[in-house]
Amino acid sequence: MSENIVTIYGEVSELIEKKSAELIDQYLTAT
């Protein structure tokens, strides 16, 4: 059970990193 939580948390943090990187990129190119 705990392994599943760790896996899900890892995937979520990866998605957040990619999404925030995209948003930062958009922000930098917009200004």
N, C-alpha and C. Protein backbone atom coordinates (compact mmCIF):
# COMPACT_ATOMS: atom_id res chain seq x y z
N MET A 1 0.84 -1.20 0.00
CA MET A 1 0.00 0.00 0.00
C MET A 1 0.87 1.25 0.00
N SER A 2 1.85 1.29 0.90
CA SER A 2 2.71 2.47 0.98
C SER A 2 3.51 2.65 -0.31
N GLU A 3 3.85 1.53 -0.96
CA GLU A 3 4.59 1.62 -2.23
C GLU A 3 3.75 2.34 -3.28
N ASN A 4 2.46 2.04 -3.32
CA ASN A 4 1.56 2.70 -4.27
C ASN A 4 1.53 4.20 -4.03
N ILE A 5 1.45 4.60 -2.77
CA ILE A 5 1.41 6.02 -2.42
C ILE A 5 2.69 6.71 -2.90
N VAL A 6 3.82 6.07 -2.69
CA VAL A 6 5.10 6.65 -3.11
C VAL A 6 5.13 6.79 -4.63
N THR A 7 4.67 5.77 -5.34
CA THR A 7 4.65 5.81 -6.81
C THR A 7 3.76 6.93 -7.31
N ILE A 8 2.55 7.01 -6.75
CA ILE A 8 1.61 8.06 -7.16
C ILE A 8 2.19 9.43 -6.85
N TYR A 9 2.78 9.58 -5.67
CA TYR A 9 3.36 10.87 -5.29
C TYR A 9 4.48 11.25 -6.24
N GLY A 10 5.30 10.29 -6.62
CA GLY A 10 6.39 10.55 -7.55
C GLY A 10 5.87 10.99 -8.90
N GLU A 11 4.83 10.31 -9.40
CA GLU A 11 4.26 10.68 -10.70
C GLU A 11 3.63 12.06 -10.64
N VAL A 12 2.93 12.36 -9.56
CA VAL A 12 2.27 13.66 -9.41
C VAL A 12 3.30 14.77 -9.36
N SER A 13 4.37 14.59 -8.59
CA SER A 13 5.39 15.63 -8.49
C SER A 13 6.07 15.84 -9.83
N GLU A 14 6.24 14.76 -10.61
CA GLU A 14 6.83 14.90 -11.95
C GLU A 14 5.91 15.73 -12.84
N LEU A 15 4.61 15.44 -12.79
CA LEU A 15 3.64 16.19 -13.60
C LEU A 15 3.63 17.65 -13.20
N ILE A 16 3.67 17.91 -11.89
CA ILE A 16 3.67 19.30 -11.40
C ILE A 16 4.92 20.02 -11.89
N GLU A 17 6.07 19.33 -11.85
CA GLU A 17 7.32 19.95 -12.32
C GLU A 17 7.20 20.31 -13.80
N LYS A 18 6.71 19.37 -14.61
CA LYS A 18 6.57 19.63 -16.05
C LYS A 18 5.60 20.78 -16.29
N LYS A 19 4.46 20.77 -15.57
CA LYS A 19 3.44 21.79 -15.76
C LYS A 19 3.96 23.16 -15.35
N SER A 20 4.64 23.22 -14.21
CA SER A 20 5.16 24.52 -13.75
C SER A 20 6.25 25.00 -14.70
N ALA A 21 7.04 24.10 -15.25
CA ALA A 21 8.07 24.48 -16.21
C ALA A 21 7.41 25.07 -17.46
N GLU A 22 6.31 24.46 -17.91
CA GLU A 22 5.58 24.98 -19.07
C GLU A 22 5.03 26.36 -18.78
N LEU A 23 4.43 26.53 -17.59
CA LEU A 23 3.84 27.82 -17.23
C LEU A 23 4.91 28.90 -17.14
N ILE A 24 6.05 28.56 -16.55
CA ILE A 24 7.16 29.53 -16.44
C ILE A 24 7.63 29.90 -17.84
N ASP A 25 7.74 28.90 -18.72
CA ASP A 25 8.17 29.15 -20.09
C ASP A 25 7.20 30.10 -20.79
N GLN A 26 5.90 29.84 -20.64
CA GLN A 26 4.88 30.71 -21.24
C GLN A 26 4.99 32.12 -20.68
N TYR A 27 5.18 32.23 -19.38
CA TYR A 27 5.27 33.54 -18.73
C TYR A 27 6.47 34.32 -19.24
N LEU A 28 7.60 33.62 -19.37
CA LEU A 28 8.82 34.30 -19.82
C LEU A 28 8.69 34.75 -21.27
N THR A 29 8.06 33.93 -22.10
CA THR A 29 7.92 34.30 -23.51
C THR A 29 6.85 35.37 -23.69
N ALA A 30 5.88 35.43 -22.77
CA ALA A 30 4.80 36.41 -22.88
C ALA A 30 5.30 37.81 -22.53
N THR A 31 6.27 37.90 -21.64
CA THR A 31 6.74 39.22 -21.20
C THR A 31 7.84 39.75 -22.10
